[in-house]
Protein backbone atom coordinates (compact mmCIF):
# COMPACT_ATOMS: atom_id res chain seq x y z
CA UNK A 1 13.83 18.08 -18.02
CA UNK A 2 13.84 19.36 -21.23
CA UNK A 3 11.81 22.21 -22.71
CA UNK A 4 10.42 20.15 -25.54
CA UNK A 5 9.45 17.00 -22.58
CA UNK A 6 8.06 19.79 -20.68
CA UNK A 7 5.70 20.63 -23.88
CA UNK A 8 5.03 17.12 -24.15
CA UNK A 9 4.23 16.91 -20.40
CA UNK A 10 1.97 19.59 -20.32
CA UNK A 11 0.10 18.29 -23.72
CA UNK A 12 -0.30 15.12 -22.07
CA UNK A 13 -2.51 16.49 -19.02
CA UNK A 14 -4.17 18.94 -20.68
CA UNK A 15 -6.12 15.78 -21.85
CA UNK A 16 -9.36 14.18 -20.39
CA UNK A 17 -7.85 11.56 -17.92
CA UNK A 18 -10.12 9.10 -16.79
CA UNK A 19 -7.74 8.22 -13.95
CA UNK A 20 -7.57 11.97 -12.65
CA UNK A 21 -10.74 13.30 -13.90
CA UNK A 22 -13.51 11.26 -13.56
CA UNK A 23 -14.65 11.87 -9.93
CA UNK A 24 -15.12 15.49 -11.02
CA UNK A 25 -15.81 15.27 -14.75
CA UNK A 26 -18.16 12.95 -16.34
CA UNK A 27 -15.93 11.03 -18.65
CA UNK A 28 -16.65 10.90 -22.35
CA UNK A 29 -18.35 7.85 -24.03
CA UNK A 30 -16.20 4.65 -24.85
CA UNK A 31 -15.34 3.93 -28.28
CA UNK A 32 -13.03 2.56 -30.94
CA UNK A 33 -13.47 5.69 -33.20
CA UNK A 34 -10.45 7.92 -32.36
CA UNK A 35 -8.13 5.34 -31.50
CA UNK A 36 -8.66 3.59 -35.02
CA UNK A 37 -8.36 6.72 -37.04
CA UNK A 38 -5.33 8.18 -35.60
CA UNK A 39 -3.67 4.93 -35.94
CA UNK A 40 -4.95 4.44 -39.65
CA UNK A 41 -3.61 7.93 -40.59
CA UNK A 42 -0.35 6.55 -39.31
CA UNK A 43 0.05 3.67 -40.76
CA UNK A 44 -1.61 1.18 -38.69
CA UNK A 45 1.91 0.48 -36.70
CA UNK A 46 0.01 -2.15 -34.39
CA UNK A 47 0.01 -4.35 -37.30
CA UNK A 48 3.79 -4.76 -37.74
CA UNK A 49 4.56 -6.72 -34.56
CA UNK A 50 3.46 -9.65 -32.86
CA UNK A 51 1.15 -8.45 -29.63
CA UNK A 52 0.06 -10.53 -26.55
CA UNK A 53 -3.12 -8.55 -25.05
CA UNK A 54 -3.56 -8.84 -21.50
CA UNK A 55 -7.05 -8.03 -19.45
CA UNK A 56 -7.96 -8.82 -15.94
CA UNK A 57 -9.25 -6.72 -12.80
CA UNK A 58 -5.91 -8.43 -11.12
CA UNK A 59 -2.19 -9.17 -12.04
CA UNK A 60 -2.14 -7.98 -15.72
CA UNK A 61 0.49 -5.41 -15.17
CA UNK A 62 2.66 -8.06 -12.98
CA UNK A 63 1.83 -10.61 -15.72
CA UNK A 64 3.00 -8.12 -18.36
CA UNK A 65 6.42 -7.55 -16.33
CA UNK A 66 7.16 -11.13 -16.54
CA UNK A 67 6.09 -12.39 -20.31
CA UNK A 68 8.14 -9.11 -20.96
CA UNK A 69 11.44 -9.98 -19.46
CA UNK A 70 11.01 -13.54 -20.25
CA UNK A 71 10.81 -12.28 -24.32
CA UNK A 72 13.83 -10.27 -23.47
CA UNK A 73 15.69 -13.11 -22.21
CA UNK A 74 14.93 -15.01 -25.26
CA UNK A 75 16.53 -12.37 -27.88
CA UNK A 76 13.58 -10.85 -28.72
CA UNK A 77 12.76 -6.60 -28.58
CA UNK A 78 9.73 -6.52 -26.91
CA UNK A 79 7.89 -2.93 -26.41
CA UNK A 80 5.38 -3.16 -22.91
CA UNK A 81 2.06 -0.99 -22.86
CA UNK A 82 0.72 -0.70 -19.05
CA UNK A 83 -1.07 1.39 -17.12
CA UNK A 84 -1.18 3.86 -14.62
CA UNK A 85 2.11 4.73 -13.95
CA UNK A 86 3.95 5.18 -10.51
CA UNK A 87 5.82 7.89 -10.57
CA UNK A 88 7.10 8.83 -14.28
CA UNK A 89 4.50 8.52 -17.11
CA UNK A 90 7.32 7.09 -19.28
CA UNK A 91 7.27 3.99 -17.27
CA UNK A 92 3.75 3.39 -19.07
CA UNK A 93 5.64 2.83 -22.42
CA UNK A 94 9.17 0.55 -22.31
CA UNK A 95 11.51 -1.30 -24.48
CA UNK A 96 13.19 -4.55 -23.07
CA UNK A 97 11.75 -3.68 -19.67
CA UNK A 98 13.49 -0.03 -19.70
CA UNK A 99 11.16 3.05 -19.69
CA UNK A 100 11.59 4.87 -22.93
CA UNK A 101 13.64 7.85 -22.94
CA UNK A 102 11.92 11.61 -22.87
CA UNK A 103 12.88 11.97 -26.61
CA UNK A 104 11.58 9.40 -27.60
CA UNK A 105 8.38 9.56 -26.03
CA UNK A 106 8.35 13.35 -26.89
CA UNK A 107 8.89 12.03 -30.72
CA UNK A 108 5.64 9.29 -30.46
CA UNK A 109 3.71 12.27 -29.05
CA UNK A 110 4.57 14.83 -31.13
CA UNK A 111 3.42 12.25 -34.24
CA UNK A 112 0.17 11.65 -32.67
CA UNK A 113 -0.47 15.33 -31.92
CA UNK A 114 0.20 16.16 -35.44
CA UNK A 115 -2.43 13.94 -36.95
CA UNK A 116 -4.97 15.23 -34.14
CA UNK A 117 -4.50 18.90 -35.66
CA UNK A 118 -6.91 21.29 -35.11
CA UNK A 119 -9.45 18.69 -33.55
CA UNK A 120 -10.69 20.21 -30.65
CA UNK A 121 -8.93 18.19 -27.19
CA UNK A 122 -12.08 16.28 -26.95
CA UNK A 123 -11.38 14.05 -29.96
CA UNK A 124 -8.94 12.01 -28.12
CA UNK A 125 -8.35 11.34 -24.21
CA UNK A 126 -4.81 11.19 -22.30
CA UNK A 127 -4.81 7.45 -22.78
CA UNK A 128 -6.05 7.33 -26.50
CA UNK A 129 -2.87 9.42 -27.26
CA UNK A 130 -0.56 7.55 -25.13
CA UNK A 131 -2.09 4.32 -26.56
CA UNK A 132 -1.29 5.61 -29.93
CA UNK A 133 1.96 7.09 -28.73
CA UNK A 134 3.18 3.54 -27.88
CA UNK A 135 2.11 1.55 -30.88
CA UNK A 136 3.72 3.98 -33.21
CA UNK A 137 6.79 3.81 -31.17
CA UNK A 138 7.11 0.08 -31.00
CA UNK A 139 6.91 0.39 -34.84
CA UNK A 140 9.00 2.92 -35.50
CA UNK A 141 12.14 1.22 -32.77
CA UNK A 142 11.38 -2.27 -35.11
CA UNK A 143 10.32 -4.42 -31.93
CA UNK A 144 9.04 -8.40 -32.31
CA UNK A 145 6.84 -8.41 -29.60
CA UNK A 146 4.39 -5.60 -27.89
CA UNK A 147 3.06 -6.76 -24.76
CA UNK A 148 -0.30 -4.64 -23.89
CA UNK A 149 -2.35 -4.56 -20.98
CA UNK A 150 -5.42 -3.11 -21.23
CA UNK A 151 -6.40 -0.37 -19.13
CA UNK A 152 -10.07 -0.33 -18.14
CA UNK A 153 -12.06 -2.88 -18.97
CA UNK A 154 -11.58 -5.00 -23.32
CA UNK A 155 -14.53 -4.29 -25.23
CA UNK A 156 -13.93 -0.43 -25.45
CA UNK A 157 -10.55 0.45 -24.31
CA UNK A 158 -8.39 2.00 -26.64
CA UNK A 159 -5.91 -0.56 -26.93
CA UNK A 160 -8.52 -3.30 -27.67
CA UNK A 161 -7.23 -2.74 -31.41
CA UNK A 162 -4.70 -4.86 -31.57
CA UNK A 163 -5.26 -8.20 -33.43
CA UNK A 164 -3.30 -10.46 -30.59
CA UNK A 165 -1.80 -13.87 -31.00
CA UNK A 166 -2.24 -14.57 -27.38
CA UNK A 167 -5.23 -13.09 -24.90
CA UNK A 168 -4.35 -13.61 -21.19
CA UNK A 169 -6.80 -12.91 -18.49
CA UNK A 170 -5.80 -12.26 -15.00
CA UNK A 171 -8.58 -13.00 -12.25
CA UNK A 172 -11.64 -11.30 -12.19
CA UNK A 173 -13.15 -9.21 -9.52
CA UNK A 174 -15.24 -6.55 -8.71
CA UNK A 175 -13.70 -3.23 -9.76
CA UNK A 176 -14.83 0.02 -12.56
CA UNK A 177 -18.11 -1.12 -11.67
CA UNK A 178 -19.77 2.34 -12.69
CA UNK A 179 -18.06 1.58 -16.07
CA UNK A 180 -17.81 -2.32 -16.57
CA UNK A 181 -21.29 -3.88 -14.62
CA UNK A 182 -22.01 -4.54 -11.31
CA UNK A 183 -21.16 -8.20 -11.31
CA UNK A 184 -18.03 -10.78 -12.64
CA UNK A 185 -20.05 -12.14 -15.17
CA UNK A 186 -20.37 -8.50 -16.74
CA UNK A 187 -16.75 -7.36 -16.33
CA UNK A 188 -16.38 -10.91 -17.83
CA UNK A 189 -17.92 -10.01 -20.72
CA UNK A 190 -16.25 -6.86 -20.96
CA UNK A 191 -12.99 -7.90 -20.68
CA UNK A 192 -13.47 -11.11 -22.95
CA UNK A 193 -13.84 -9.21 -25.63
CA UNK A 194 -9.60 -8.93 -26.27
CA UNK A 195 -10.32 -12.51 -27.36
CA UNK A 196 -9.46 -12.64 -31.08
CA UNK A 197 -10.44 -15.00 -34.04
CA UNK A 198 -8.29 -18.41 -33.88
CA UNK A 199 -5.91 -17.04 -31.27
CA UNK A 200 -4.75 -18.62 -28.02
CA UNK A 201 -6.40 -17.87 -24.78
CA UNK A 202 -4.75 -18.25 -21.48
CA UNK A 203 -6.77 -18.05 -18.07
CA UNK A 204 -6.45 -17.45 -14.77
CA UNK A 205 -8.44 -19.91 -12.51
CA UNK A 206 -11.53 -18.21 -11.92
CA UNK A 207 -15.32 -19.08 -10.89
CA UNK A 208 -17.45 -21.11 -12.29
CA UNK A 209 -19.64 -18.30 -13.97
CA UNK A 210 -16.97 -15.94 -15.22
CA UNK A 211 -14.54 -19.12 -16.80
CA UNK A 212 -18.10 -19.84 -18.42
CA UNK A 213 -17.90 -16.64 -19.87
CA UNK A 214 -14.34 -16.78 -21.05
CA UNK A 215 -15.15 -20.41 -22.53
CA UNK A 216 -17.93 -18.93 -24.34
CA UNK A 217 -15.85 -16.42 -26.10
CA UNK A 218 -13.21 -18.29 -27.12
CA UNK A 219 -15.47 -20.99 -28.21
CA UNK A 220 -17.28 -18.46 -30.51
CA UNK A 221 -13.56 -17.06 -32.13
CA UNK A 222 -12.18 -20.41 -32.16
CA UNK A 223 -9.61 -19.68 -29.92
CA UNK A 224 -7.92 -22.48 -28.29
CA UNK A 225 -8.62 -21.96 -24.13
CA UNK A 226 -6.08 -22.96 -21.61
CA UNK A 227 -7.08 -22.47 -18.31
CA UNK A 228 -4.58 -22.30 -14.72
CA UNK A 229 -6.07 -25.34 -12.20
CA UNK A 230 -7.03 -27.47 -15.33
CA UNK A 231 -4.82 -27.04 -18.40
CA UNK A 232 -1.48 -25.85 -16.45
CA UNK A 233 -0.81 -25.46 -12.77
CA UNK A 234 1.79 -24.40 -10.31
CA UNK A 235 2.99 -25.71 -6.95
CA UNK A 236 5.03 -23.63 -4.29
CA UNK A 237 8.07 -25.43 -3.27
CA UNK A 238 8.93 -22.60 -1.26
CA UNK A 239 8.43 -18.45 -0.04
CA UNK A 240 9.96 -16.07 1.90
CA UNK A 241 10.33 -12.23 1.79
CA UNK A 242 13.29 -12.57 -0.89
CA UNK A 243 11.43 -14.51 -3.16
CA UNK A 244 9.38 -17.91 -4.09
CA UNK A 245 10.14 -21.07 -5.85
CA UNK A 246 7.57 -22.84 -7.90
CA UNK A 247 7.25 -25.86 -9.63
CA UNK A 248 4.87 -24.95 -13.29
CA UNK A 249 3.11 -28.41 -14.34
CA UNK A 250 2.16 -28.67 -17.82
CA UNK A 251 1.73 -31.31 -20.44
CA UNK A 252 2.78 -34.39 -17.70
CA UNK A 253 6.20 -32.35 -17.80
CA UNK A 254 7.36 -29.62 -14.77
CA UNK A 255 9.44 -26.56 -14.94
CA UNK A 256 11.28 -25.38 -11.87
CA UNK A 257 11.17 -21.47 -11.32
CA UNK A 258 12.35 -18.80 -8.44
CA UNK A 259 10.97 -15.57 -8.65
CA UNK A 260 13.01 -12.82 -7.07
CA UNK A 261 10.08 -10.86 -5.92
CA UNK A 262 7.97 -11.96 -2.84
CA UNK A 263 4.54 -12.33 -2.51
CA UNK A 264 2.77 -16.19 -3.40
CA UNK A 265 0.25 -14.32 -5.49
CA UNK A 266 2.98 -13.99 -8.07
CA UNK A 267 2.81 -17.68 -8.97
CA UNK A 268 -0.18 -17.89 -10.97
CA UNK A 269 0.76 -14.44 -12.67
CA UNK A 270 4.16 -16.02 -13.52
CA UNK A 271 2.72 -19.05 -14.38
CA UNK A 272 0.40 -17.50 -17.09
CA UNK A 273 3.26 -15.81 -18.27
CA UNK A 274 5.59 -18.92 -18.62
CA UNK A 275 2.86 -21.05 -19.99
CA UNK A 276 2.18 -17.79 -22.60
CA UNK A 277 6.29 -18.16 -23.23
CA UNK A 278 5.94 -22.15 -23.78
CA UNK A 279 2.78 -21.38 -26.24
CA UNK A 280 5.13 -19.22 -28.06
CA UNK A 281 7.85 -21.87 -28.27
CA UNK A 282 10.06 -20.42 -25.67
CA UNK A 283 12.89 -22.56 -24.14
CA UNK A 284 12.52 -23.14 -20.44
CA UNK A 285 15.72 -21.58 -20.00
CA UNK A 286 14.77 -18.62 -21.06
CA UNK A 287 11.46 -18.77 -19.07
CA UNK A 288 13.37 -19.22 -15.36
CA UNK A 289 15.88 -16.60 -16.43
CA UNK A 290 13.22 -13.76 -17.61
CA UNK A 291 10.87 -14.55 -14.75
CA UNK A 292 14.20 -14.56 -11.75
CA UNK A 293 14.86 -10.93 -13.46
CA UNK A 294 11.75 -9.31 -12.88
CA UNK A 295 10.92 -6.82 -10.71
CA UNK A 296 7.17 -5.72 -9.93
CA UNK A 297 6.91 -2.07 -8.37
CA UNK A 298 4.12 -1.56 -5.90
CA UNK A 299 3.24 -4.80 -5.80
CA UNK A 300 4.16 -6.30 -2.44
CA UNK A 301 7.29 -4.68 -3.18
CA UNK A 302 9.92 -4.43 0.08
CA UNK A 303 11.77 -1.55 0.62
CA UNK A 304 13.19 -2.29 3.60
CA UNK A 305 13.82 -5.42 5.46
CA UNK A 306 14.51 -3.61 9.08
CA UNK A 307 11.54 -2.62 9.63
CA UNK A 308 9.65 -4.70 6.93
CA UNK A 309 8.26 -2.15 4.48
CA UNK A 310 5.72 -3.09 2.20
CA UNK A 311 4.54 -1.23 -0.69
CA UNK A 312 1.43 -2.24 -2.14
CA UNK A 313 -0.77 -0.23 -4.89
CA UNK A 314 -3.96 -2.95 -3.76
CA UNK A 315 -6.80 -0.56 -4.67
CA UNK A 316 -9.95 -2.75 -4.89
CA UNK A 317 -11.43 -5.51 -3.22
CA UNK A 318 -9.46 -8.86 -4.65
CA UNK A 319 -6.16 -6.69 -3.90
CA UNK A 320 -6.68 -6.10 -0.64
CA UNK A 321 -7.79 -9.06 0.50
CA UNK A 322 -4.62 -10.76 -1.30
CA UNK A 323 -2.40 -8.49 0.62
CA UNK A 324 -4.26 -9.15 3.89
CA UNK A 325 -3.54 -13.03 3.04
CA UNK A 326 0.46 -12.22 2.14
CA UNK A 327 1.15 -10.49 5.06
CA UNK A 328 -0.51 -13.30 7.01
CA UNK A 329 1.47 -15.90 5.40
CA UNK A 330 4.91 -13.95 6.22
CA UNK A 331 3.48 -13.33 9.58
CA UNK A 332 3.82 -9.76 9.10
CA UNK A 333 0.94 -8.89 11.43
CA UNK A 334 -0.32 -6.84 12.98
CA UNK A 335 0.66 -4.30 10.73
CA UNK A 336 1.21 -0.13 10.80
CA UNK A 337 -1.07 0.81 7.62
CA UNK A 338 -0.62 3.76 6.03
CA UNK A 339 -3.57 4.09 3.65
CA UNK A 340 -5.17 6.57 0.64
CA UNK A 341 -7.61 5.38 -1.36
CA UNK A 342 -9.34 7.52 -4.77
CA UNK A 343 -12.82 7.91 -6.03
CA UNK A 344 -14.51 6.13 -6.98
CA UNK A 345 -13.01 2.76 -5.53
CA UNK A 346 -15.76 1.22 -3.06
CA UNK A 347 -13.61 1.97 -0.19
CA UNK A 348 -15.65 -0.28 2.24
CA UNK A 349 -14.59 -3.71 1.42
CA UNK A 350 -10.91 -2.69 0.59
CA UNK A 351 -10.56 -1.05 4.45
CA UNK A 352 -12.30 -4.11 5.58
CA UNK A 353 -10.17 -6.53 4.21
CA UNK A 354 -7.43 -5.38 6.39
CA UNK A 355 -9.65 -5.50 9.41
CA UNK A 356 -7.28 -8.51 10.92
CA UNK A 357 -3.87 -7.61 10.20
CA UNK A 358 -3.86 -4.23 11.32
CA UNK A 359 -2.54 -2.88 14.44
CA UNK A 360 -2.75 0.70 13.42
CA UNK A 361 -4.05 2.52 10.34
CA UNK A 362 -3.31 5.93 9.03
CA UNK A 363 -5.42 7.34 6.56
CA UNK A 364 -3.77 10.04 4.37
CA UNK A 365 -4.18 11.87 0.92
CA UNK A 366 -3.05 10.27 -1.91
CA UNK A 367 -1.72 13.20 -4.20
CA UNK A 368 -4.38 12.77 -6.77
CA UNK A 369 -7.65 15.02 -7.57
CA UNK A 370 -9.78 11.75 -7.30
CA UNK A 371 -8.83 11.24 -3.49
CA UNK A 372 -11.53 10.40 -1.13
CA UNK A 373 -11.39 12.54 2.20
CA UNK A 374 -9.28 10.87 4.41
CA UNK A 375 -11.37 11.33 7.36
CA UNK A 376 -14.09 9.93 5.72
CA UNK A 377 -12.07 6.56 5.35
CA UNK A 378 -11.09 6.80 9.02
CA UNK A 379 -15.08 7.19 10.07
CA UNK A 380 -15.53 4.30 7.85
CA UNK A 381 -12.63 2.31 9.83
CA UNK A 382 -13.88 3.38 13.32
CA UNK A 383 -17.28 2.25 12.84
CA UNK A 384 -15.75 -1.24 11.11
CA UNK A 385 -13.78 -2.09 14.33
CA UNK A 386 -10.30 -0.58 13.54
CA UNK A 387 -8.80 0.60 17.09
CA UNK A 388 -6.19 3.20 16.49
CA UNK A 389 -7.45 5.18 13.84
CA UNK A 390 -5.39 8.32 12.58
CA UNK A 391 -5.30 11.04 9.96
CA UNK A 392 -2.57 12.54 8.50
CA UNK A 393 -3.22 14.72 5.22
CA UNK A 394 0.67 14.71 4.09
CA UNK A 395 1.16 11.62 2.66
CA UNK A 396 4.73 11.80 4.05
CA UNK A 397 4.34 12.89 7.15
CA UNK A 398 2.00 10.04 7.43
CA UNK A 399 4.80 7.49 6.53
CA UNK A 400 7.32 8.95 8.84
CA UNK A 401 4.74 8.70 11.72
CA UNK A 402 4.01 5.41 10.70
CA UNK A 403 8.25 4.91 10.93
CA UNK A 404 7.80 6.22 14.51
CA UNK A 405 5.04 3.53 15.67
CA UNK A 406 7.00 0.53 14.34
CA UNK A 407 10.32 1.72 16.15
CA UNK A 408 12.06 -0.56 13.81
CA UNK A 409 10.16 -3.94 15.04
CA UNK A 410 6.42 -3.80 13.61
CA UNK A 411 5.95 -3.90 9.76
CA UNK A 412 4.54 -0.92 7.91
CA UNK A 413 2.67 -1.63 5.02
CA UNK A 414 1.50 1.83 2.23
CA UNK A 415 -1.59 0.82 0.26
CA UNK A 416 -4.78 1.79 -1.30
CA UNK A 417 -3.23 3.70 -4.77
CA UNK A 418 -1.00 3.62 -7.26
CA UNK A 419 -0.67 7.65 -6.64
CA UNK A 420 0.06 7.05 -3.01
CA UNK A 421 3.13 4.24 -3.44
CA UNK A 422 4.46 6.86 -5.98
CA UNK A 423 4.79 9.78 -3.44
CA UNK A 424 6.55 7.09 -0.57
CA UNK A 425 8.99 6.04 -3.51
CA UNK A 426 9.95 10.04 -4.24
CA UNK A 427 10.10 10.29 -0.81
CA UNK A 428 12.93 7.77 0.43
CA UNK A 429 14.63 9.30 -2.73
CA UNK A 430 13.60 6.51 -5.55
CA UNK A 431 13.29 8.80 -8.88
CA UNK A 432 12.10 5.88 -10.97
CA UNK A 433 11.23 2.22 -10.78
CA UNK A 434 12.65 -0.85 -12.58
CA UNK A 435 11.12 -3.76 -14.04
CA UNK A 436 14.52 -5.68 -14.35
CA UNK A 437 16.83 -6.67 -11.70
């Protein structure tokens, strides 16, 4: 790590981060004033390329990766902006599905830092600075497309300054209720603010009251809405721990697709990306190639087959239930779970979702300032009917204990937090994540 890059990280870490600080420090009021001013002062680079904007509760990161790889295979230069990161902050800003260099991130952050100048640190948050840096870097490196994942919600998310050609709404469920509202309709309302006038909107299958919100926003914006399950669909042909094959159906046509990543839940995410690509005029062969080439770290990520070890960042009720369902689908139950959860997540439904698929559950820290005390989680698990409950404060020690309990036979699952998954990946010698084969 160069001295200049170390200074960049120190600067970023000095700023308020909702991901890191929300549990111990009241977040600033969310608005778009700071990001709008920052971008205006550097020439509004986000207006120099086409944008696909993605919001949702579950699946938006995977969808962004799938679509970015499709565009890359089609010959376009594509920037991808995602959050949070697993190991390295540079994962958040990718060019052609590879994280940017230390020097490029340093250049971009320095541009934004110079614009902020002597203003107090409260002027812009970690996420706002990094968003502005990403948009500047995409312009500087002359990308054709930017695939942009919203960070939190939609309406006042810093990414919502873009005028997207396509908005993708992935599965919506209960998460970040303290900021977005305590019902799915309220959350859908916030996220639907990414829909722009005369754009294309592509939605995952949703509950009736949720899709009604998305439909209403689309109508008011004169946007064309396409919904998975009605306007296009997918049929799973085969699925194993080595990948999934499915058939995408659209406009009385079909397209056979193979994913090299596990998880039946990824079929809908991949279908959203594929349908967006079709709307952009991308040829089917590039869609197939891009999807097959895609890797989705920390999303049902297999790092071993003997024993089976799955790393999954499932950190809300919908993703916890999806993980439990996938483990059952692949006959990976009962499993040994290593779990760490961060505030302010509602840990009760997350843990409860894993009761049917658990043999042992080990609660540990997440190396985050927002982590729930593992003993608090363990107490709830015992009250909920879990039989074999342990607490091991050190994440990698907890993982080692799980391997001892497995005896190379019982499946091991690490879940509950992106931070925890990152710690385990580093512990087994993986220093960076990959989004492409």
